[in-house]
Amino acid sequence: MAAQTLAQLQTVYLDPHTDTLVILDQTQLPLRTVYLSLTKQNDIRQAIYRLQVRGAPAIGVAAAIGIYLAAKDIQADTYDAFCQQFRAAKDHLASARPTAVNLQWALERMERVVQLHAACPPSSIIPALKQEALRIQQEDTDVCRAIGEHGLSLLHDGDGILTHCNAGQLATTRYGTALAPIHLGHERGYHFHVYADETRPLLQGARLTAYELQANGIPVTLLCDNMASQVMKNGWVQAILVGCDRVAANGDCCNKIGTSGVAILARHYGIPFYVCAPTSTIDFSLSHGGQIPIEQRPPEEVTTLWYQHSMAPQGIDVYNPAFDVTEHDLVSAIVTEYGIVRPPYTQSLARLAANHLQRA
């Protein structure tokens, strides 16, 4: 895919002509560019579970569009009957992945639309749901752009930047979260060099981050995950940018497995560790990261997924958590669409909520 094409890419959106959810199938990258047009609830849930659409913001957008499309298929004469079927569809989609809070956040936001139309016939709720899904889609683009602007203020021309997993435009509607400052800086003539962890076992860094940055003309070096320490020791990294799937009220950050190890290394080498997180990922119902549910993935992702033959003994026990939690005291700053939040996070995140999140 040409760089100019990728730079304009929307990876998840509601097609205005066909009224279908369109996603770029990320399981096919980087070898093939395949788009899926989905309308059925089971297909959309499977796309989320199988990581055909992935990244907390993109999952939220897909969920919002998915529940709108599910609502279109509801056959109900009364509001109560509509609500019953809507909640069943919501619960079904929500079960696809437990850790990324954007999935539940988007579905609850869509359910509030239904609740606000309690006095209306079911047929009038569908257009309101469509408009809310489109708002969530557009807001994601705007939020990512704002995160990019704030994050860029933390960087300097010529910086080496290490990242883990993929938090770029492939994980959002546009720009990305952790990669948004890099994309914006590149547009403005900054000369960054990115070091991308491969991110075992699903290789989001190798398949997606390296692909995305290379296609957009940004210098990138791919690393095995266990090489990050040496690259930091060499003095090649001046900042670390990662995304986030859920932030607890105390600033503990849950992101792709391996992130906490990167944060520990960053502390050892004195490198700032920045988490780029839309406020939709902040879960004030959780006081600390130990309360975040961690998704366990199939063992085959570790033993056989990328190999012609199994690379492990038959029947071996496999531990395959999809995420880990980076404690707040390892996080230099959290970059949100409203600005940069610094420790102590219990206070700064509470102020952020008071100033900007009353609408949530």
Protein backbone atom coordinates (compact mmCIF):
# COMPACT_ATOMS: atom_id res chain seq x y z
CA MET A 1 0.00 0.00 0.00
CA ALA A 2 1.39 3.39 -0.96
CA ALA A 3 2.33 5.76 1.84
CA GLN A 4 -0.14 8.42 0.77
CA THR A 5 -2.93 5.83 0.74
CA LEU A 6 -2.11 4.54 4.21
CA ALA A 7 -1.86 8.06 5.61
CA GLN A 8 -5.48 8.67 4.57
CA LEU A 9 -6.71 5.28 5.71
CA GLN A 10 -9.75 4.73 7.88
CA THR A 11 -9.47 1.28 9.38
CA VAL A 12 -13.00 1.08 10.82
CA TYR A 13 -16.06 3.07 9.73
CA LEU A 14 -19.72 2.98 8.78
CA ASP A 15 -19.99 2.98 5.00
CA PRO A 16 -22.47 5.74 4.13
CA HIS A 17 -23.52 4.05 0.89
CA THR A 18 -24.09 0.47 2.06
CA ASP A 19 -24.74 1.08 5.78
CA THR A 20 -22.26 -1.63 6.70
CA LEU A 21 -19.35 -1.82 9.11
CA VAL A 22 -16.14 -1.74 7.08
CA ILE A 23 -12.91 -2.88 8.70
CA LEU A 24 -9.40 -3.46 7.46
CA ASP A 25 -8.72 -7.09 8.39
CA GLN A 26 -5.57 -6.73 10.47
CA THR A 27 -4.97 -10.46 10.62
CA GLN A 28 -4.05 -10.27 6.91
CA LEU A 29 -1.42 -7.54 7.30
CA PRO A 30 1.25 -6.91 6.18
CA LEU A 31 1.01 -9.38 3.30
CA ARG A 32 -2.51 -8.59 2.08
CA THR A 33 -4.84 -5.59 2.29
CA VAL A 34 -8.32 -7.03 2.82
CA TYR A 35 -11.44 -5.08 3.74
CA LEU A 36 -14.47 -6.74 5.31
CA SER A 37 -18.00 -5.38 5.05
CA LEU A 38 -20.04 -6.70 7.96
CA THR A 39 -23.68 -6.38 8.95
CA LYS A 40 -24.45 -9.39 11.14
CA GLN A 41 -23.92 -9.33 14.87
CA ASN A 42 -22.10 -12.67 15.07
CA ASP A 43 -19.71 -11.67 12.31
CA ILE A 44 -18.91 -8.38 14.05
CA ARG A 45 -18.38 -10.08 17.40
CA GLN A 46 -16.04 -12.61 15.78
CA ALA A 47 -14.11 -9.82 14.04
CA ILE A 48 -13.49 -8.23 17.45
CA TYR A 49 -12.58 -11.52 19.15
CA ARG A 50 -10.28 -12.66 16.33
CA LEU A 51 -8.51 -9.26 16.31
CA GLN A 52 -9.53 -8.56 12.73
CA VAL A 53 -10.36 -5.19 14.23
CA ARG A 54 -8.21 -4.35 17.26
CA GLY A 55 -6.95 -1.47 19.35
CA ALA A 56 -9.14 -0.01 22.09
CA PRO A 57 -10.42 3.00 20.09
CA ALA A 58 -11.14 0.95 16.96
CA ILE A 59 -12.92 -1.70 19.02
CA GLY A 60 -15.13 1.01 20.51
CA VAL A 61 -16.06 2.35 17.09
CA ALA A 62 -16.74 -1.15 15.76
CA ALA A 63 -18.93 -1.91 18.78
CA ALA A 64 -20.96 1.27 18.35
CA ILE A 65 -21.58 0.57 14.68
CA GLY A 66 -22.18 -3.10 15.42
CA ILE A 67 -24.90 -2.46 17.99
CA TYR A 68 -26.56 0.03 15.64
CA LEU A 69 -26.65 -2.61 12.91
CA ALA A 70 -27.97 -5.18 15.40
CA ALA A 71 -30.73 -2.75 16.42
CA LYS A 72 -31.78 -2.41 12.78
CA ASP A 73 -32.64 -6.12 12.79
CA ILE A 74 -34.77 -5.99 15.93
CA GLN A 75 -38.42 -6.79 15.35
CA ALA A 76 -40.39 -5.21 18.21
CA ASP A 77 -43.66 -3.34 18.53
CA THR A 78 -43.04 -1.92 21.99
CA TYR A 79 -40.19 -0.07 23.66
CA ASP A 80 -39.79 -2.75 26.33
CA ALA A 81 -39.51 -5.51 23.75
CA PHE A 82 -36.97 -3.45 21.81
CA CYS A 83 -34.90 -2.87 24.96
CA GLN A 84 -34.87 -6.55 25.81
CA GLN A 85 -33.47 -7.52 22.42
CA PHE A 86 -31.08 -4.55 22.39
CA ARG A 87 -29.58 -5.56 25.74
CA ALA A 88 -29.14 -9.14 24.57
CA ALA A 89 -27.25 -7.90 21.51
CA LYS A 90 -25.20 -5.54 23.69
CA ASP A 91 -24.20 -8.32 26.08
CA HIS A 92 -23.26 -10.57 23.17
CA LEU A 93 -20.91 -7.98 21.68
CA ALA A 94 -19.50 -7.03 25.09
CA SER A 95 -18.42 -10.63 25.69
CA ALA A 96 -16.00 -10.56 22.75
CA ARG A 97 -13.09 -9.10 24.75
CA PRO A 98 -13.08 -8.26 28.47
CA THR A 99 -10.08 -5.99 29.00
CA ALA A 100 -10.38 -2.99 26.67
CA VAL A 101 -12.83 -0.67 28.40
CA ASN A 102 -13.74 1.08 25.14
CA LEU A 103 -15.84 -1.90 24.10
CA GLN A 104 -18.15 -1.59 27.10
CA TRP A 105 -17.92 2.23 27.08
CA ALA A 106 -19.18 2.48 23.51
CA LEU A 107 -21.99 -0.01 24.08
CA GLU A 108 -23.14 1.78 27.23
CA ARG A 109 -23.08 5.07 25.39
CA MET A 110 -25.29 3.57 22.69
CA GLU A 111 -27.63 2.15 25.34
CA ARG A 112 -28.05 5.65 26.81
CA VAL A 113 -29.44 6.73 23.45
CA VAL A 114 -32.07 4.01 23.75
CA GLN A 115 -32.89 5.11 27.30
CA LEU A 116 -33.33 8.73 26.20
CA HIS A 117 -35.97 7.62 23.69
CA ALA A 118 -38.16 5.70 26.13
CA ALA A 119 -41.25 7.61 25.02
CA CYS A 120 -40.61 6.97 21.33
CA PRO A 121 -41.63 4.11 19.05
CA PRO A 122 -38.79 1.68 18.29
CA SER A 123 -38.60 2.79 14.67
CA SER A 124 -37.49 6.28 15.73
CA ILE A 125 -34.62 4.95 17.87
CA ILE A 126 -32.67 3.52 14.93
CA PRO A 127 -31.74 6.89 13.33
CA ALA A 128 -30.63 8.21 16.73
CA LEU A 129 -28.39 5.18 17.22
CA LYS A 130 -26.84 5.71 13.80
CA GLN A 131 -26.05 9.33 14.59
CA GLU A 132 -24.45 8.36 17.90
CA ALA A 133 -22.30 5.71 16.19
CA LEU A 134 -21.15 8.31 13.67
CA ARG A 135 -20.35 10.74 16.51
CA ILE A 136 -18.21 8.10 18.22
CA GLN A 137 -16.42 7.47 14.93
CA GLN A 138 -15.68 11.17 14.34
CA GLU A 139 -14.75 11.82 17.96
CA ASP A 140 -12.14 9.08 17.79
CA THR A 141 -10.41 10.87 14.92
CA ASP A 142 -10.56 14.20 16.76
CA VAL A 143 -9.32 12.66 20.03
CA CYS A 144 -6.36 10.97 18.35
CA ARG A 145 -5.37 14.20 16.62
CA ALA A 146 -5.43 16.04 19.96
CA ILE A 147 -3.37 13.32 21.66
CA GLY A 148 -0.86 13.67 18.85
CA GLU A 149 -0.56 17.42 19.41
CA HIS A 150 -0.04 17.07 23.16
CA GLY A 151 2.31 14.13 22.82
CA LEU A 152 4.46 15.93 20.26
CA SER A 153 5.21 18.61 22.85
CA LEU A 154 7.09 15.97 24.87
CA LEU A 155 9.40 15.02 21.99
CA HIS A 156 12.39 16.60 20.28
CA ASP A 157 13.64 16.53 16.72
CA GLY A 158 15.99 13.59 16.28
CA ASP A 159 14.60 11.54 19.17
CA GLY A 160 14.74 7.78 19.16
CA ILE A 161 11.36 6.47 20.30
CA LEU A 162 10.53 2.95 21.40
CA THR A 163 6.99 1.59 21.24
CA HIS A 164 5.32 -1.71 22.07
CA CYS A 165 2.37 -3.32 20.25
CA ASN A 166 0.46 -1.14 17.76
CA ALA A 167 -1.19 2.07 18.86
CA GLY A 168 -1.19 3.74 15.48
CA GLN A 169 -3.83 4.58 12.93
CA LEU A 170 -4.42 0.87 12.40
CA ALA A 171 -5.77 0.72 15.97
CA THR A 172 -8.05 3.74 15.57
CA THR A 173 -10.08 5.50 12.90
CA ARG A 174 -7.17 7.86 12.10
CA TYR A 175 -3.76 8.93 13.45
CA GLY A 176 -3.52 6.51 16.37
CA THR A 177 -2.75 7.23 20.01
CA ALA A 178 0.88 6.44 20.85
CA LEU A 179 1.93 6.85 17.20
CA ALA A 180 -0.08 10.04 16.63
CA PRO A 181 2.75 12.31 17.89
CA ILE A 182 5.16 10.50 15.59
CA HIS A 183 2.91 10.83 12.54
CA LEU A 184 2.26 14.52 13.23
CA GLY A 185 5.93 15.21 13.89
CA HIS A 186 6.89 13.49 10.65
CA GLU A 187 4.41 15.70 8.75
CA ARG A 188 6.10 18.76 10.28
CA GLY A 189 9.64 17.75 9.44
CA TYR A 190 10.75 16.13 12.67
CA HIS A 191 13.31 13.38 12.25
CA PHE A 192 12.33 10.53 14.56
CA HIS A 193 13.65 6.99 14.54
CA VAL A 194 11.24 4.44 15.97
CA TYR A 195 12.23 1.14 17.59
CA ALA A 196 9.27 -1.23 17.43
CA ASP A 197 9.08 -4.28 19.68
CA GLU A 198 7.75 -7.25 17.70
CA THR A 199 5.22 -7.89 20.54
CA ARG A 200 4.88 -11.62 21.02
CA PRO A 201 2.83 -13.71 20.60
CA LEU A 202 0.59 -11.92 18.05
CA LEU A 203 3.36 -9.76 16.59
CA GLN A 204 1.38 -6.52 16.40
CA GLY A 205 4.63 -4.57 16.42
CA ALA A 206 6.16 -6.57 13.59
CA ARG A 207 3.04 -6.97 11.45
CA LEU A 208 1.35 -3.61 12.09
CA THR A 209 3.56 -0.93 13.64
CA ALA A 210 6.56 -1.65 11.44
CA TYR A 211 4.29 -1.85 8.39
CA GLU A 212 2.45 1.37 9.22
CA LEU A 213 5.56 3.44 9.93
CA GLN A 214 7.48 2.13 6.94
CA ALA A 215 4.54 2.82 4.63
CA ASN A 216 4.36 6.40 5.90
CA GLY A 217 8.09 6.96 5.38
CA ILE A 218 9.10 7.04 9.05
CA PRO A 219 12.42 5.32 9.87
CA VAL A 220 11.72 2.23 11.96
CA THR A 221 13.82 -0.62 13.31
CA LEU A 222 12.10 -3.85 14.35
CA LEU A 223 13.23 -5.53 17.58
CA CYS A 224 12.57 -8.84 19.22
CA ASP A 225 10.96 -8.04 22.56
CA ASN A 226 13.99 -9.18 24.52
CA MET A 227 16.24 -6.70 22.67
CA ALA A 228 14.62 -3.56 24.12
CA SER A 229 17.00 -3.42 27.08
CA GLN A 230 20.08 -3.42 24.87
CA VAL A 231 18.68 -0.67 22.63
CA MET A 232 17.98 1.49 25.69
CA LYS A 233 21.44 0.75 27.11
CA ASN A 234 22.97 1.84 23.80
CA GLY A 235 21.45 5.29 24.32
CA TRP A 236 19.33 5.07 21.18
CA VAL A 237 16.01 5.74 22.92
CA GLN A 238 15.03 9.14 24.34
CA ALA A 239 11.33 8.45 24.95
CA ILE A 240 8.90 5.55 25.10
CA LEU A 241 5.33 5.89 23.81
CA VAL A 242 2.71 3.20 24.35
CA GLY A 243 -1.05 3.02 24.08
CA CYS A 244 -3.47 1.80 26.70
CA ASP A 245 -6.62 -0.32 26.89
CA ARG A 246 -7.71 0.69 30.39
CA VAL A 247 -6.51 3.17 33.02
CA ALA A 248 -7.50 2.76 36.67
CA ALA A 249 -8.31 5.75 38.88
CA ASN A 250 -4.82 5.68 40.44
CA GLY A 251 -3.05 5.79 37.06
CA ASP A 252 -2.25 2.08 36.73
CA CYS A 253 -2.27 1.40 32.98
CA CYS A 254 -3.26 -1.86 31.30
CA ASN A 255 -1.78 -2.43 27.86
CA LYS A 256 -0.55 -5.25 25.63
CA ILE A 257 1.42 -7.96 27.42
CA GLY A 258 5.07 -6.94 27.76
CA THR A 259 4.38 -3.25 28.37
CA SER A 260 5.13 -3.44 32.08
CA GLY A 261 8.55 -4.91 31.35
CA VAL A 262 9.32 -2.03 29.02
CA ALA A 263 8.31 0.41 31.76
CA ILE A 264 10.61 -1.28 34.28
CA LEU A 265 13.52 -1.06 31.83
CA ALA A 266 12.72 2.60 31.15
CA ARG A 267 12.90 3.37 34.87
CA HIS A 268 16.26 1.59 35.12
CA TYR A 269 17.74 3.56 32.22
CA GLY A 270 16.13 6.91 33.13
CA ILE A 271 13.99 7.14 29.98
CA PRO A 272 10.55 8.83 30.18
CA PHE A 273 7.68 6.38 29.75
CA TYR A 274 4.56 8.02 28.30
CA VAL A 275 1.13 6.40 28.03
CA CYS A 276 -1.17 7.83 25.35
CA ALA A 277 -4.74 7.19 26.49
CA PRO A 278 -8.06 8.65 25.34
CA THR A 279 -10.19 9.57 28.34
CA SER A 280 -12.66 6.90 27.21
CA THR A 281 -10.12 4.34 28.47
CA ILE A 282 -10.11 5.74 32.03
CA ASP A 283 -12.18 3.54 34.31
CA PHE A 284 -12.90 5.45 37.52
CA SER A 285 -14.86 2.49 38.89
CA LEU A 286 -11.54 0.71 39.45
CA SER A 287 -9.28 2.07 42.20
CA HIS A 288 -6.18 0.21 40.97
CA GLY A 289 -4.97 -1.94 38.11
CA GLY A 290 -5.26 -5.18 40.02
CA GLN A 291 -9.02 -4.96 39.49
CA ILE A 292 -8.74 -4.95 35.69
CA PRO A 293 -9.85 -8.26 34.12
CA ILE A 294 -7.06 -9.70 32.01
CA GLU A 295 -8.07 -11.60 28.89
CA GLN A 296 -6.56 -15.06 28.49
CA ARG A 297 -5.99 -16.05 24.87
CA PRO A 298 -5.77 -19.53 23.27
CA PRO A 299 -2.47 -21.43 23.77
CA GLU A 300 -2.17 -22.01 20.01
CA GLU A 301 -1.20 -18.34 19.59
CA VAL A 302 2.05 -19.17 21.38
CA THR A 303 2.77 -22.68 20.15
CA THR A 304 1.62 -22.94 16.53
CA LEU A 305 0.19 -19.72 15.07
CA TRP A 306 3.30 -18.54 13.20
CA TYR A 307 4.92 -21.92 12.62
CA GLN A 308 4.53 -24.65 10.03
CA HIS A 309 4.94 -27.14 12.87
CA SER A 310 4.44 -26.65 16.59
CA MET A 311 7.47 -25.04 18.24
CA ALA A 312 6.61 -26.56 21.64
CA PRO A 313 6.04 -30.08 22.97
CA GLN A 314 2.57 -31.49 22.46
CA GLY A 315 0.31 -30.89 25.45
CA ILE A 316 2.58 -28.28 27.05
CA ASP A 317 0.87 -25.92 29.48
CA VAL A 318 0.73 -22.35 28.11
CA TYR A 319 0.10 -19.09 29.95
CA ASN A 320 -1.10 -16.51 27.43
CA PRO A 321 -2.46 -13.31 28.99
CA ALA A 322 -3.22 -10.66 26.39
CA PHE A 323 -2.39 -7.72 28.68
CA ASP A 324 -0.44 -6.68 31.74
CA VAL A 325 -0.67 -3.74 34.12
CA THR A 326 2.01 -1.07 34.43
CA GLU A 327 1.90 0.44 37.90
CA HIS A 328 1.35 4.18 38.07
CA ASP A 329 4.73 4.91 39.67
CA LEU A 330 6.45 3.74 36.46
CA VAL A 331 4.43 6.11 34.24
CA SER A 332 6.05 9.50 33.58
CA ALA A 333 2.87 11.03 32.16
CA ILE A 334 -0.47 10.08 30.63
CA VAL A 335 -1.26 11.93 27.41
CA THR A 336 -4.99 12.52 26.85
CA GLU A 337 -6.96 14.54 24.34
CA TYR A 338 -7.36 17.25 27.03
CA GLY A 339 -3.69 17.51 27.87
CA ILE A 340 -0.85 15.85 29.72
CA VAL A 341 -1.61 14.36 33.14
CA ARG A 342 1.22 13.84 35.62
CA PRO A 343 1.59 12.24 39.07
CA PRO A 344 0.00 12.02 41.55
CA TYR A 345 -2.58 10.44 39.26
CA THR A 346 -5.29 9.94 41.85
CA GLN A 347 -5.49 13.73 42.06
CA SER A 348 -4.69 14.70 38.47
CA LEU A 349 -7.10 12.20 36.92
CA ALA A 350 -9.83 13.33 39.33
CA ARG A 351 -9.24 16.95 38.25
CA LEU A 352 -9.41 15.86 34.61
CA ALA A 353 -12.76 14.21 35.27
CA ALA A 354 -14.11 17.25 37.08
CA ASN A 355 -13.02 19.64 34.33
CA HIS A 356 -13.85 17.65 31.21
CA LEU A 357 -15.76 14.43 31.80
CA GLN A 358 -19.06 15.53 33.36
CA ARG A 359 -20.74 14.48 30.10
CA ALA A 360 -19.51 10.89 30.42
